Amino acid sequence: LEEEFAVAQAARGSAALEAVEHGDVDLVLLDVGLPDLHGLEVCRRIRARGDPVFLPILLFTALCAQEDRNEGLRAGADDFLCKPVDPQELLLRVRTFMRLRLHERSAREQLEVLREVEG
């Protein structure tokens, strides 16, 4: 991922929450098994912020039963990958979500221009 994107890492769930709160984060890759906060709780807290900007969250875990996947999606994840994660699949999914993020940003900017013209 580092070849195409600026990557920041957080070893703990609390550090990940702080990075999202204070950083310019475009995508969250979140391991469910974090040492201090469960990854699903981190996901829920990110979503609870109520940020209107689209912030994709991709969960990955060794727990890959359908109910585990459903629980991750209910927590607010946009996608779910099972370990071991195929590096090529991860890169392709990250590219897809980054494209969606850019489209969302562009739509917001166009909406702002329209509001200024109308207002």
PDB file of N, CA and C in Angstrom:
ATOM      1  N   LEU A   1       0.812  -1.203   0.000  1.00  0.00           N
ATOM      2  CA  LEU A   1       0.000   0.000   0.000  1.00  0.00           C
ATOM      3  C   LEU A   1       0.851   1.261   0.000  1.00  0.00           C
ATOM      4  N   GLU A   2       2.020   1.183   0.639  1.00  0.00           N
ATOM      5  CA  GLU A   2       2.885   2.358   0.754  1.00  0.00           C
ATOM      6  C   GLU A   2       3.372   2.877  -0.593  1.00  0.00           C
ATOM      7  N   GLU A   3       3.373   2.029  -1.607  1.00  0.00           N
ATOM      8  CA  GLU A   3       3.814   2.478  -2.926  1.00  0.00           C
ATOM      9  C   GLU A   3       2.819   3.437  -3.574  1.00  0.00           C
ATOM     10  N   GLU A   4       1.541   3.355  -3.185  1.00  0.00           N
ATOM     11  CA  GLU A   4       0.500   4.198  -3.789  1.00  0.00           C
ATOM     12  C   GLU A   4      -0.123   5.203  -2.835  1.00  0.00           C
ATOM     13  N   PHE A   5      -0.053   4.932  -1.544  1.00  0.00           N
ATOM     14  CA  PHE A   5      -0.783   5.740  -0.577  1.00  0.00           C
ATOM     15  C   PHE A   5       0.099   6.105   0.609  1.00  0.00           C
ATOM     16  N   ALA A   6      -0.222   7.205   1.254  1.00  0.00           N
ATOM     17  CA  ALA A   6       0.412   7.544   2.527  1.00  0.00           C
ATOM     18  C   ALA A   6      -0.276   6.683   3.587  1.00  0.00           C
ATOM     19  N   VAL A   7       0.507   5.937   4.331  1.00  0.00           N
ATOM     20  CA  VAL A   7      -0.034   4.993   5.298  1.00  0.00           C
ATOM     21  C   VAL A   7       0.430   5.372   6.697  1.00  0.00           C
ATOM     22  N   ALA A   8      -0.501   5.442   7.619  1.00  0.00           N
ATOM     23  CA  ALA A   8      -0.198   5.638   9.031  1.00  0.00           C
ATOM     24  C   ALA A   8      -0.718   4.417   9.773  1.00  0.00           C
ATOM     25  N   GLN A   9       0.012   4.009  10.793  1.00  0.00           N
ATOM     26  CA  GLN A   9      -0.384   2.825  11.535  1.00  0.00           C
ATOM     27  C   GLN A   9      -0.656   3.172  12.991  1.00  0.00           C
ATOM     28  N   ALA A  10      -1.576   2.438  13.580  1.00  0.00           N
ATOM     29  CA  ALA A  10      -1.882   2.547  15.000  1.00  0.00           C
ATOM     30  C   ALA A  10      -1.957   1.127  15.556  1.00  0.00           C
ATOM     31  N   ALA A  11      -1.193   0.848  16.582  1.00  0.00           N
ATOM     32  CA  ALA A  11      -1.129  -0.506  17.126  1.00  0.00           C
ATOM     33  C   ALA A  11      -2.269  -0.803  18.096  1.00  0.00           C
ATOM     34  N   ARG A  12      -2.960   0.228  18.537  1.00  0.00           N
ATOM     35  CA  ARG A  12      -4.032   0.055  19.511  1.00  0.00           C
ATOM     36  C   ARG A  12      -5.296   0.759  19.012  1.00  0.00           C
ATOM     37  N   GLY A  13      -6.435   0.284  19.460  1.00  0.00           N
ATOM     38  CA  GLY A  13      -7.697   0.881  19.059  1.00  0.00           C
ATOM     39  C   GLY A  13      -7.818   2.332  19.475  1.00  0.00           C
ATOM     40  N   SER A  14      -7.344   2.659  20.668  1.00  0.00           N
ATOM     41  CA  SER A  14      -7.412   4.049  21.136  1.00  0.00           C
ATOM     42  C   SER A  14      -6.571   4.960  20.252  1.00  0.00           C
ATOM     43  N   ALA A  15      -5.423   4.488  19.807  1.00  0.00           N
ATOM     44  CA  ALA A  15      -4.578   5.281  18.910  1.00  0.00           C
ATOM     45  C   ALA A  15      -5.243   5.447  17.546  1.00  0.00           C
ATOM     46  N   ALA A  16      -5.955   4.426  17.099  1.00  0.00           N
ATOM     47  CA  ALA A  16      -6.669   4.529  15.824  1.00  0.00           C
ATOM     48  C   ALA A  16      -7.786   5.571  15.915  1.00  0.00           C
ATOM     49  N   LEU A  17      -8.517   5.571  17.027  1.00  0.00           N
ATOM     50  CA  LEU A  17      -9.572   6.565  17.219  1.00  0.00           C
ATOM     51  C   LEU A  17      -8.996   7.977  17.241  1.00  0.00           C
ATOM     52  N   GLU A  18      -7.868   8.134  17.903  1.00  0.00           N
ATOM     53  CA  GLU A  18      -7.226   9.446  17.955  1.00  0.00           C
ATOM     54  C   GLU A  18      -6.769   9.883  16.571  1.00  0.00           C
ATOM     55  N   ALA A  19      -6.227   8.965  15.794  1.00  0.00           N
ATOM     56  CA  ALA A  19      -5.771   9.295  14.439  1.00  0.00           C
ATOM     57  C   ALA A  19      -6.944   9.738  13.572  1.00  0.00           C
ATOM     58  N   VAL A  20      -8.068   9.066  13.689  1.00  0.00           N
ATOM     59  CA  VAL A  20      -9.248   9.432  12.902  1.00  0.00           C
ATOM     60  C   VAL A  20      -9.753  10.803  13.347  1.00  0.00           C
ATOM     61  N   GLU A  21      -9.742  11.044  14.650  1.00  0.00           N
ATOM     62  CA  GLU A  21     -10.256  12.302  15.189  1.00  0.00           C
ATOM     63  C   GLU A  21      -9.386  13.492  14.801  1.00  0.00           C
ATOM     64  N   HIS A  22      -8.075  13.296  14.788  1.00  0.00           N
ATOM     65  CA  HIS A  22      -7.165  14.431  14.604  1.00  0.00           C
ATOM     66  C   HIS A  22      -6.403  14.427  13.287  1.00  0.00           C
ATOM     67  N   GLY A  23      -6.568  13.384  12.504  1.00  0.00           N
ATOM     68  CA  GLY A  23      -5.800  13.294  11.280  1.00  0.00           C
ATOM     69  C   GLY A  23      -6.647  13.469  10.043  1.00  0.00           C
ATOM     70  N   ASP A  24      -5.968  13.498   8.915  1.00  0.00           N
ATOM     71  CA  ASP A  24      -6.639  13.573   7.626  1.00  0.00           C
ATOM     72  C   ASP A  24      -6.682  12.146   7.078  1.00  0.00           C
ATOM     73  N   VAL A  25      -7.643  11.375   7.544  1.00  0.00           N
ATOM     74  CA  VAL A  25      -7.741   9.952   7.223  1.00  0.00           C
ATOM     75  C   VAL A  25      -8.768   9.763   6.116  1.00  0.00           C
ATOM     76  N   ASP A  26      -8.389   9.027   5.077  1.00  0.00           N
ATOM     77  CA  ASP A  26      -9.279   8.764   3.948  1.00  0.00           C
ATOM     78  C   ASP A  26      -9.877   7.370   3.962  1.00  0.00           C
ATOM     79  N   LEU A  27      -9.270   6.461   4.725  1.00  0.00           N
ATOM     80  CA  LEU A  27      -9.691   5.069   4.738  1.00  0.00           C
ATOM     81  C   LEU A  27      -9.149   4.434   6.007  1.00  0.00           C
ATOM     82  N   VAL A  28      -9.946   3.560   6.625  1.00  0.00           N
ATOM     83  CA  VAL A  28      -9.507   2.863   7.825  1.00  0.00           C
ATOM     84  C   VAL A  28      -9.467   1.370   7.530  1.00  0.00           C
ATOM     85  N   LEU A  29      -8.291   0.773   7.713  1.00  0.00           N
ATOM     86  CA  LEU A  29      -8.134  -0.682   7.666  1.00  0.00           C
ATOM     87  C   LEU A  29      -8.042  -1.116   9.119  1.00  0.00           C
ATOM     88  N   LEU A  30      -8.988  -1.897   9.571  1.00  0.00           N
ATOM     89  CA  LEU A  30      -9.133  -2.142  10.993  1.00  0.00           C
ATOM     90  C   LEU A  30      -9.143  -3.628  11.301  1.00  0.00           C
ATOM     91  N   ASP A  31      -8.163  -4.055  12.088  1.00  0.00           N
ATOM     92  CA  ASP A  31      -8.127  -5.436  12.564  1.00  0.00           C
ATOM     93  C   ASP A  31      -9.114  -5.557  13.719  1.00  0.00           C
ATOM     94  N   VAL A  32      -9.897  -6.603  13.718  1.00  0.00           N
ATOM     95  CA  VAL A  32     -10.880  -6.790  14.776  1.00  0.00           C
ATOM     96  C   VAL A  32     -10.189  -7.092  16.104  1.00  0.00           C
ATOM     97  N   GLY A  33      -9.066  -7.802  16.074  1.00  0.00           N
ATOM     98  CA  GLY A  33      -8.384  -8.206  17.295  1.00  0.00           C
ATOM     99  C   GLY A  33      -7.321  -7.216  17.738  1.00  0.00           C
ATOM    100  N   LEU A  34      -7.749  -6.104  18.324  1.00  0.00           N
ATOM    101  CA  LEU A  34      -6.815  -5.095  18.828  1.00  0.00           C
ATOM    102  C   LEU A  34      -6.599  -5.310  20.325  1.00  0.00           C
ATOM    103  N   PRO A  35      -5.430  -4.884  20.852  1.00  0.00           N
ATOM    104  CA  PRO A  35      -5.126  -5.193  22.246  1.00  0.00           C
ATOM    105  C   PRO A  35      -5.942  -4.431  23.300  1.00  0.00           C
ATOM    106  N   ASP A  36      -6.347  -3.211  23.039  1.00  0.00           N
ATOM    107  CA  ASP A  36      -7.035  -2.460  24.090  1.00  0.00           C
ATOM    108  C   ASP A  36      -8.535  -2.335  23.873  1.00  0.00           C
ATOM    109  N   LEU A  37      -8.962  -2.038  22.657  1.00  0.00           N
ATOM    110  CA  LEU A  37     -10.374  -1.959  22.304  1.00  0.00           C
ATOM    111  C   LEU A  37     -10.646  -2.950  21.191  1.00  0.00           C
ATOM    112  N   HIS A  38     -11.749  -3.640  21.279  1.00  0.00           N
ATOM    113  CA  HIS A  38     -12.128  -4.559  20.212  1.00  0.00           C
ATOM    114  C   HIS A  38     -12.333  -3.755  18.935  1.00  0.00           C
ATOM    115  N   GLY A  39     -11.901  -4.283  17.813  1.00  0.00           N
ATOM    116  CA  GLY A  39     -12.016  -3.573  16.542  1.00  0.00           C
ATOM    117  C   GLY A  39     -13.436  -3.183  16.195  1.00  0.00           C
ATOM    118  N   LEU A  40     -14.402  -4.018  16.571  1.00  0.00           N
ATOM    119  CA  LEU A  40     -15.798  -3.663  16.294  1.00  0.00           C
ATOM    120  C   LEU A  40     -16.218  -2.446  17.117  1.00  0.00           C
ATOM    121  N   GLU A  41     -15.709  -2.322  18.328  1.00  0.00           N
ATOM    122  CA  GLU A  41     -16.010  -1.146  19.148  1.00  0.00           C
ATOM    123  C   GLU A  41     -15.371   0.105  18.545  1.00  0.00           C
ATOM    124  N   VAL A  42     -14.162  -0.034  18.027  1.00  0.00           N
ATOM    125  CA  VAL A  42     -13.512   1.096  17.355  1.00  0.00           C
ATOM    126  C   VAL A  42     -14.351   1.522  16.158  1.00  0.00           C
ATOM    127  N   CYS A  43     -14.821   0.564  15.395  1.00  0.00           N
ATOM    128  CA  CYS A  43     -15.664   0.848  14.237  1.00  0.00           C
ATOM    129  C   CYS A  43     -16.938   1.576  14.666  1.00  0.00           C
ATOM    130  N   ARG A  44     -17.581   1.082  15.701  1.00  0.00           N
ATOM    131  CA  ARG A  44     -18.808   1.723  16.198  1.00  0.00           C
ATOM    132  C   ARG A  44     -18.537   3.168  16.631  1.00  0.00           C
ATOM    133  N   ARG A  45     -17.429   3.377  17.311  1.00  0.00           N
ATOM    134  CA  ARG A  45     -17.105   4.729  17.790  1.00  0.00           C
ATOM    135  C   ARG A  45     -16.796   5.678  16.646  1.00  0.00           C
ATOM    136  N   ILE A  46     -16.149   5.172  15.621  1.00  0.00           N
ATOM    137  CA  ILE A  46     -15.889   6.025  14.452  1.00  0.00           C
ATOM    138  C   ILE A  46     -17.219   6.430  13.826  1.00  0.00           C
ATOM    139  N   ARG A  47     -18.115   5.476  13.672  1.00  0.00           N
ATOM    140  CA  ARG A  47     -19.416   5.779  13.063  1.00  0.00           C
ATOM    141  C   ARG A  47     -20.267   6.681  13.962  1.00  0.00           C
ATOM    142  N   ALA A  48     -20.123   6.536  15.274  1.00  0.00           N
ATOM    143  CA  ALA A  48     -20.925   7.324  16.215  1.00  0.00           C
ATOM    144  C   ALA A  48     -20.563   8.805  16.171  1.00  0.00           C
ATOM    145  N   ARG A  49     -19.416   9.134  15.590  1.00  0.00           N
ATOM    146  CA  ARG A  49     -19.026  10.534  15.473  1.00  0.00           C
ATOM    147  C   ARG A  49     -20.017  11.311  14.613  1.00  0.00           C
ATOM    148  N   GLY A  50     -20.733  10.598  13.768  1.00  0.00           N
ATOM    149  CA  GLY A  50     -21.735  11.243  12.928  1.00  0.00           C
ATOM    150  C   GLY A  50     -21.150  12.097  11.828  1.00  0.00           C
ATOM    151  N   ASP A  51     -19.919  11.837  11.450  1.00  0.00           N
ATOM    152  CA  ASP A  51     -19.261  12.609  10.402  1.00  0.00           C
ATOM    153  C   ASP A  51     -20.013  12.422   9.088  1.00  0.00           C
ATOM    154  N   PRO A  52     -20.433  13.520   8.454  1.00  0.00           N
ATOM    155  CA  PRO A  52     -21.175  13.393   7.198  1.00  0.00           C
ATOM    156  C   PRO A  52     -20.288  12.991   6.013  1.00  0.00           C
ATOM    157  N   VAL A  53     -18.988  13.093   6.167  1.00  0.00           N
ATOM    158  CA  VAL A  53     -18.062  12.738   5.093  1.00  0.00           C
ATOM    159  C   VAL A  53     -17.879  11.224   5.079  1.00  0.00           C
ATOM    160  N   PHE A  54     -17.903  10.657   3.900  1.00  0.00           N
ATOM    161  CA  PHE A  54     -17.743   9.213   3.731  1.00  0.00           C
ATOM    162  C   PHE A  54     -16.339   8.793   4.132  1.00  0.00           C
ATOM    163  N   LEU A  55     -16.225   7.959   5.160  1.00  0.00           N
ATOM    164  CA  LEU A  55     -14.953   7.400   5.597  1.00  0.00           C
ATOM    165  C   LEU A  55     -15.069   5.884   5.563  1.00  0.00           C
ATOM    166  N   PRO A  56     -14.517   5.255   4.520  1.00  0.00           N
ATOM    167  CA  PRO A  56     -14.629   3.797   4.409  1.00  0.00           C
ATOM    168  C   PRO A  56     -13.859   3.089   5.521  1.00  0.00           C
ATOM    169  N   ILE A  57     -14.453   2.034   6.046  1.00  0.00           N
ATOM    170  CA  ILE A  57     -13.812   1.183   7.044  1.00  0.00           C
ATOM    171  C   ILE A  57     -13.820  -0.241   6.518  1.00  0.00           C
ATOM    172  N   LEU A  58     -12.631  -0.830   6.404  1.00  0.00           N
ATOM    173  CA  LEU A  58     -12.476  -2.216   6.001  1.00  0.00           C
ATOM    174  C   LEU A  58     -11.974  -2.994   7.201  1.00  0.00           C
ATOM    175  N   LEU A  59     -12.757  -3.966   7.630  1.00  0.00           N
ATOM    176  CA  LEU A  59     -12.362  -4.827   8.747  1.00  0.00           C
ATOM    177  C   LEU A  59     -11.653  -6.055   8.220  1.00  0.00           C
ATOM    178  N   PHE A  60     -10.692  -6.541   9.013  1.00  0.00           N
ATOM    179  CA  PHE A  60     -10.152  -7.844   8.699  1.00  0.00           C
ATOM    180  C   PHE A  60      -9.894  -8.618   9.979  1.00  0.00           C
ATOM    181  N   THR A  61     -10.156  -9.921   9.889  1.00  0.00           N
ATOM    182  CA  THR A  61     -10.083 -10.779  11.060  1.00  0.00           C
ATOM    183  C   THR A  61      -9.976 -12.239  10.641  1.00  0.00           C
ATOM    184  N   ALA A  62      -9.556 -13.057  11.594  1.00  0.00           N
ATOM    185  CA  ALA A  62      -9.524 -14.502  11.366  1.00  0.00           C
ATOM    186  C   ALA A  62     -10.898 -15.119  11.608  1.00  0.00           C
ATOM    187  N   LEU A  63     -11.796 -14.376  12.245  1.00  0.00           N
ATOM    188  CA  LEU A  63     -13.155 -14.851  12.495  1.00  0.00           C
ATOM    189  C   LEU A  63     -13.990 -14.576  11.251  1.00  0.00           C
ATOM    190  N   CYS A  64     -14.241 -15.607  10.475  1.00  0.00           N
ATOM    191  CA  CYS A  64     -14.855 -15.376   9.165  1.00  0.00           C
ATOM    192  C   CYS A  64     -16.185 -16.088   8.973  1.00  0.00           C
ATOM    193  N   ALA A  65     -16.794 -16.517  10.049  1.00  0.00           N
ATOM    194  CA  ALA A  65     -18.127 -17.092   9.920  1.00  0.00           C
ATOM    195  C   ALA A  65     -19.089 -15.995   9.476  1.00  0.00           C
ATOM    196  N   GLN A  66     -20.179 -16.388   8.855  1.00  0.00           N
ATOM    197  CA  GLN A  66     -21.128 -15.406   8.342  1.00  0.00           C
ATOM    198  C   GLN A  66     -21.609 -14.467   9.442  1.00  0.00           C
ATOM    199  N   GLU A  67     -21.879 -14.988  10.637  1.00  0.00           N
ATOM    200  CA  GLU A  67     -22.350 -14.133  11.730  1.00  0.00           C
ATOM    201  C   GLU A  67     -21.286 -13.104  12.123  1.00  0.00           C
ATOM    202  N   ASP A  68     -20.004 -13.489  12.076  1.00  0.00           N
ATOM    203  CA  ASP A  68     -18.922 -12.531  12.353  1.00  0.00           C
ATOM    204  C   ASP A  68     -18.915 -11.425  11.311  1.00  0.00           C
ATOM    205  N   ARG A  69     -19.092 -11.799  10.068  1.00  0.00           N
ATOM    206  CA  ARG A  69     -19.138 -10.817   8.986  1.00  0.00           C
ATOM    207  C   ARG A  69     -20.329  -9.877   9.174  1.00  0.00           C
ATOM    208  N   ASN A  70     -21.487 -10.460   9.490  1.00  0.00           N
ATOM    209  CA  ASN A  70     -22.680  -9.643   9.708  1.00  0.00           C
ATOM    210  C   ASN A  70     -22.480  -8.681  10.871  1.00  0.00           C
ATOM    211  N   GLU A  71     -21.856  -9.147  11.935  1.00  0.00           N
ATOM    212  CA  GLU A  71     -21.609  -8.288  13.093  1.00  0.00           C
ATOM    213  C   GLU A  71     -20.698  -7.118  12.716  1.00  0.00           C
ATOM    214  N   GLY A  72     -19.690  -7.387  11.911  1.00  0.00           N
ATOM    215  CA  GLY A  72     -18.806  -6.320  11.451  1.00  0.00           C
ATOM    216  C   GLY A  72     -19.539  -5.291  10.608  1.00  0.00           C
ATOM    217  N   LEU A  73     -20.403  -5.746   9.738  1.00  0.00           N
ATOM    218  CA  LEU A  73     -21.178  -4.829   8.906  1.00  0.00           C
ATOM    219  C   LEU A  73     -22.180  -4.040   9.740  1.00  0.00           C
ATOM    220  N   ARG A  74     -22.782  -4.693  10.742  1.00  0.00           N
ATOM    221  CA  ARG A  74     -23.698  -3.982  11.651  1.00  0.00           C
ATOM    222  C   ARG A  74     -22.955  -2.914  12.451  1.00  0.00           C
ATOM    223  N   ALA A  75     -21.695  -3.145  12.733  1.00  0.00           N
ATOM    224  CA  ALA A  75     -20.896  -2.170  13.491  1.00  0.00           C
ATOM    225  C   ALA A  75     -20.556  -0.947  12.647  1.00  0.00           C
ATOM    226  N   GLY A  76     -20.793  -1.026  11.338  1.00  0.00           N
ATOM    227  CA  GLY A  76     -20.555   0.118  10.472  1.00  0.00           C
ATOM    228  C   GLY A  76     -19.462  -0.065   9.449  1.00  0.00           C
ATOM    229  N   ALA A  77     -18.905  -1.254   9.363  1.00  0.00           N
ATOM    230  CA  ALA A  77     -17.864  -1.499   8.370  1.00  0.00           C
ATOM    231  C   ALA A  77     -18.466  -1.480   6.964  1.00  0.00           C
ATOM    232  N   ASP A  78     -17.653  -1.064   6.011  1.00  0.00           N
ATOM    233  CA  ASP A  78     -18.083  -1.044   4.614  1.00  0.00           C
ATOM    234  C   ASP A  78     -17.692  -2.309   3.877  1.00  0.00           C
ATOM    235  N   ASP A  79     -16.719  -3.013   4.415  1.00  0.00           N
ATOM    236  CA  ASP A  79     -16.275  -4.249   3.789  1.00  0.00           C
ATOM    237  C   ASP A  79     -15.587  -5.082   4.860  1.00  0.00           C
ATOM    238  N   PHE A  80     -15.381  -6.355   4.540  1.00  0.00           N
ATOM    239  CA  PHE A  80     -14.875  -7.306   5.517  1.00  0.00           C
ATOM    240  C   PHE A  80     -13.959  -8.268   4.791  1.00  0.00           C
ATOM    241  N   LEU A  81     -12.729  -8.414   5.248  1.00  0.00           N
ATOM    242  CA  LEU A  81     -11.778  -9.338   4.654  1.00  0.00           C
ATOM    243  C   LEU A  81     -11.345 -10.367   5.687  1.00  0.00           C
ATOM    244  N   CYS A  82     -11.228 -11.613   5.260  1.00  0.00           N
ATOM    245  CA  CYS A  82     -10.801 -12.686   6.142  1.00  0.00           C
ATOM    246  C   CYS A  82      -9.293 -12.892   6.055  1.00  0.00           C
ATOM    247  N   LYS A  83      -8.681 -13.138   7.202  1.00  0.00           N
ATOM    248  CA  LYS A  83      -7.257 -13.450   7.242  1.00  0.00           C
ATOM    249  C   LYS A  83      -7.066 -14.907   6.860  1.00  0.00           C
ATOM    250  N   PRO A  84      -5.997 -15.227   6.222  1.00  0.00           N
ATOM    251  CA  PRO A  84      -4.963 -14.301   5.747  1.00  0.00           C
ATOM    252  C   PRO A  84      -5.480 -13.501   4.553  1.00  0.00           C
ATOM    253  N   VAL A  85      -5.185 -12.217   4.582  1.00  0.00           N
ATOM    254  CA  VAL A  85      -5.648 -11.309   3.537  1.00  0.00           C
ATOM    255  C   VAL A  85      -4.703 -11.404   2.340  1.00  0.00           C
ATOM    256  N   ASP A  86      -5.274 -11.599   1.167  1.00  0.00           N
ATOM    257  CA  ASP A  86      -4.487 -11.620  -0.056  1.00  0.00           C
ATOM    258  C   ASP A  86      -4.045 -10.189  -0.365  1.00  0.00           C
ATOM    259  N   PRO A  87      -2.741  -9.933  -0.482  1.00  0.00           N
ATOM    260  CA  PRO A  87      -2.267  -8.562  -0.710  1.00  0.00           C
ATOM    261  C   PRO A  87      -2.856  -7.904  -1.961  1.00  0.00           C
ATOM    262  N   GLN A  88      -3.029  -8.661  -3.022  1.00  0.00           N
ATOM    263  CA  GLN A  88      -3.594  -8.107  -4.247  1.00  0.00           C
ATOM    264  C   GLN A  88      -5.051  -7.710  -4.048  1.00  0.00           C
ATOM    265  N   GLU A  89      -5.824  -8.567  -3.379  1.00  0.00           N
ATOM    266  CA  GLU A  89      -7.217  -8.243  -3.119  1.00  0.00           C
ATOM    267  C   GLU A  89      -7.321  -7.005  -2.225  1.00  0.00           C
ATOM    268  N   LEU A  90      -6.473  -6.914  -1.214  1.00  0.00           N
ATOM    269  CA  LEU A  90      -6.482  -5.748  -0.340  1.00  0.00           C
ATOM    270  C   LEU A  90      -6.210  -4.482  -1.134  1.00  0.00           C
ATOM    271  N   LEU A  91      -5.199  -4.505  -1.982  1.00  0.00           N
ATOM    272  CA  LEU A  91      -4.863  -3.338  -2.798  1.00  0.00           C
ATOM    273  C   LEU A  91      -6.023  -2.952  -3.712  1.00  0.00           C
ATOM    274  N   LEU A  92      -6.650  -3.929  -4.339  1.00  0.00           N
ATOM    275  CA  LEU A  92      -7.782  -3.644  -5.235  1.00  0.00           C
ATOM    276  C   LEU A  92      -8.956  -3.042  -4.478  1.00  0.00           C
ATOM    277  N   ARG A  93      -9.243  -3.559  -3.303  1.00  0.00           N
ATOM    278  CA  ARG A  93     -10.351  -3.012  -2.512  1.00  0.00           C
ATOM    279  C   ARG A  93     -10.027  -1.603  -2.027  1.00  0.00           C
ATOM    280  N   VAL A  94      -8.786  -1.374  -1.610  1.00  0.00           N
ATOM    281  CA  VAL A  94      -8.393  -0.027  -1.170  1.00  0.00           C
ATOM    282  C   VAL A  94      -8.532   0.948  -2.324  1.00  0.00           C
ATOM    283  N   ARG A  95      -8.071   0.561  -3.500  1.00  0.00           N
ATOM    284  CA  ARG A  95      -8.222   1.442  -4.674  1.00  0.00           C
ATOM    285  C   ARG A  95      -9.692   1.762  -4.927  1.00  0.00           C
ATOM    286  N   THR A  96     -10.551   0.758  -4.832  1.00  0.00           N
ATOM    287  CA  THR A  96     -11.981   0.966  -5.063  1.00  0.00           C
ATOM    288  C   THR A  96     -12.557   1.959  -4.065  1.00  0.00           C
ATOM    289  N   PHE A  97     -12.259   1.780  -2.790  1.00  0.00           N
ATOM    290  CA  PHE A  97     -12.802   2.686  -1.778  1.00  0.00           C
ATOM    291  C   PHE A  97     -12.197   4.080  -1.874  1.00  0.00           C
ATOM    292  N   MET A  98     -10.971   4.177  -2.305  1.00  0.00           N
ATOM    293  CA  MET A  98     -10.374   5.505  -2.492  1.00  0.00           C
ATOM    294  C   MET A  98     -11.048   6.225  -3.668  1.00  0.00           C
ATOM    295  N   ARG A  99     -11.394   5.497  -4.723  1.00  0.00           N
ATOM    296  CA  ARG A  99     -12.147   6.104  -5.829  1.00  0.00           C
ATOM    297  C   ARG A  99     -13.500   6.607  -5.344  1.00  0.00           C
ATOM    298  N   LEU A 100     -14.174   5.788  -4.548  1.00  0.00           N
ATOM    299  CA  LEU A 100     -15.467   6.204  -4.001  1.00  0.00           C
ATOM    300  C   LEU A 100     -15.311   7.446  -3.123  1.00  0.00           C
ATOM    301  N   ARG A 101     -14.260   7.481  -2.351  1.00  0.00           N
ATOM    302  CA  ARG A 101     -13.993   8.632  -1.486  1.00  0.00           C
ATOM    303  C   ARG A 101     -13.781   9.892  -2.330  1.00  0.00           C
ATOM    304  N   LEU A 102     -13.034   9.774  -3.415  1.00  0.00           N
ATOM    305  CA  LEU A 102     -12.795  10.921  -4.285  1.00  0.00           C
ATOM    306  C   LEU A 102     -14.083  11.386  -4.960  1.00  0.00           C
ATOM    307  N   HIS A 103     -14.925  10.444  -5.392  1.00  0.00           N
ATOM    308  CA  HIS A 103     -16.207  10.806  -6.008  1.00  0.00           C
ATOM    309  C   HIS A 103     -17.102  11.523  -4.998  1.00  0.00           C
ATOM    310  N   GLU A 104     -17.117  11.037  -3.768  1.00  0.00           N
ATOM    311  CA  GLU A 104     -17.921  11.666  -2.731  1.00  0.00           C
ATOM    312  C   GLU A 104     -17.430  13.087  -2.465  1.00  0.00           C
ATOM    313  N   ARG A 105     -16.123  13.255  -2.400  1.00  0.00           N
ATOM    314  CA  ARG A 105     -15.538  14.587  -2.169  1.00  0.00           C
ATOM    315  C   ARG A 105     -15.904  15.534  -3.310  1.00  0.00           C
ATOM    316  N   SER A 106     -15.827  15.041  -4.539  1.00  0.00           N
ATOM    317  CA  SER A 106     -16.173  15.851  -5.699  1.00  0.00           C
ATOM    318  C   SER A 106     -17.650  16.257  -5.661  1.00  0.00           C
ATOM    319  N   ALA A 107     -18.519  15.337  -5.307  1.00  0.00           N
ATOM    320  CA  ALA A 107     -19.945  15.645  -5.228  1.00  0.00           C
ATOM    321  C   ALA A 107     -20.209  16.700  -4.148  1.00  0.00           C
ATOM    322  N   ARG A 108     -19.527  16.613  -3.019  1.00  0.00           N
ATOM    323  CA  ARG A 108     -19.683  17.618  -1.956  1.00  0.00           C
ATOM    324  C   ARG A 108     -19.241  18.999  -2.442  1.00  0.00           C
ATOM    325  N   GLU A 109     -18.123  19.038  -3.149  1.00  0.00           N
ATOM    326  CA  GLU A 109     -17.627  20.317  -3.663  1.00  0.00           C
ATOM    327  C   GLU A 109     -18.609  20.917  -4.663  1.00  0.00           C
ATOM    328  N   GLN A 110     -19.163  20.088  -5.542  1.00  0.00           N
ATOM    329  CA  GLN A 110     -20.139  20.578  -6.513  1.00  0.00           C
ATOM    330  C   GLN A 110     -21.401  21.072  -5.823  1.00  0.00           C
ATOM    331  N   LEU A 111     -21.820  20.394  -4.773  1.00  0.00           N
ATOM    332  CA  LEU A 111     -22.984  20.827  -4.012  1.00  0.00           C
ATOM    333  C   LEU A 111     -22.737  22.181  -3.353  1.00  0.00           C
ATOM    334  N   GLU A 112     -21.548  22.392  -2.838  1.00  0.00           N
ATOM    335  CA  GLU A 112     -21.204  23.685  -2.237  1.00  0.00           C
ATOM    336  C   GLU A 112     -21.260  24.809  -3.261  1.00  0.00           C
ATOM    337  N   VAL A 113     -20.749  24.542  -4.455  1.00  0.00           N
ATOM    338  CA  VAL A 113     -20.795  25.554  -5.538  1.00  0.00           C
ATOM    339  C   VAL A 113     -22.245  25.882  -5.868  1.00  0.00           C
ATOM    340  N   LEU A 114     -23.089  24.873  -5.978  1.00  0.00           N
ATOM    341  CA  LEU A 114     -24.503  25.095  -6.272  1.00  0.00           C
ATOM    342  C   LEU A 114     -25.172  25.915  -5.168  1.00  0.00           C
ATOM    343  N   ARG A 115     -24.848  25.609  -3.926  1.00  0.00           N
ATOM    344  CA  ARG A 115     -25.423  26.384  -2.811  1.00  0.00           C
ATOM    345  C   ARG A 115     -24.990  27.849  -2.860  1.00  0.00           C
ATOM    346  N   GLU A 116     -23.740  28.080  -3.222  1.00  0.00           N
ATOM    347  CA  GLU A 116     -23.244  29.466  -3.320  1.00  0.00           C
ATOM    348  C   GLU A 116     -23.940  30.212  -4.454  1.00  0.00           C
ATOM    349  N   VAL A 117     -24.155  29.522  -5.567  1.00  0.00           N
ATOM    350  CA  VAL A 117     -24.816  30.146  -6.717  1.00  0.00           C
ATOM    351  C   VAL A 117     -26.266  30.472  -6.373  1.00  0.00           C
ATOM    352  N   GLU A 118     -26.939  29.578  -5.677  1.00  0.00           N
ATOM    353  CA  GLU A 118     -28.334  29.797  -5.309  1.00  0.00           C
ATOM    354  C   GLU A 118     -28.484  30.839  -4.203  1.00  0.00           C
ATOM    355  N   GLY A 119     -27.488  30.906  -3.331  1.00  0.00           N
ATOM    356  CA  GLY A 119     -27.639  31.673  -2.124  1.00  0.00           C
ATOM    357  C   GLY A 119     -27.357  33.092  -2.136  1.00  0.00           C
TER     358      GLY A 119
END
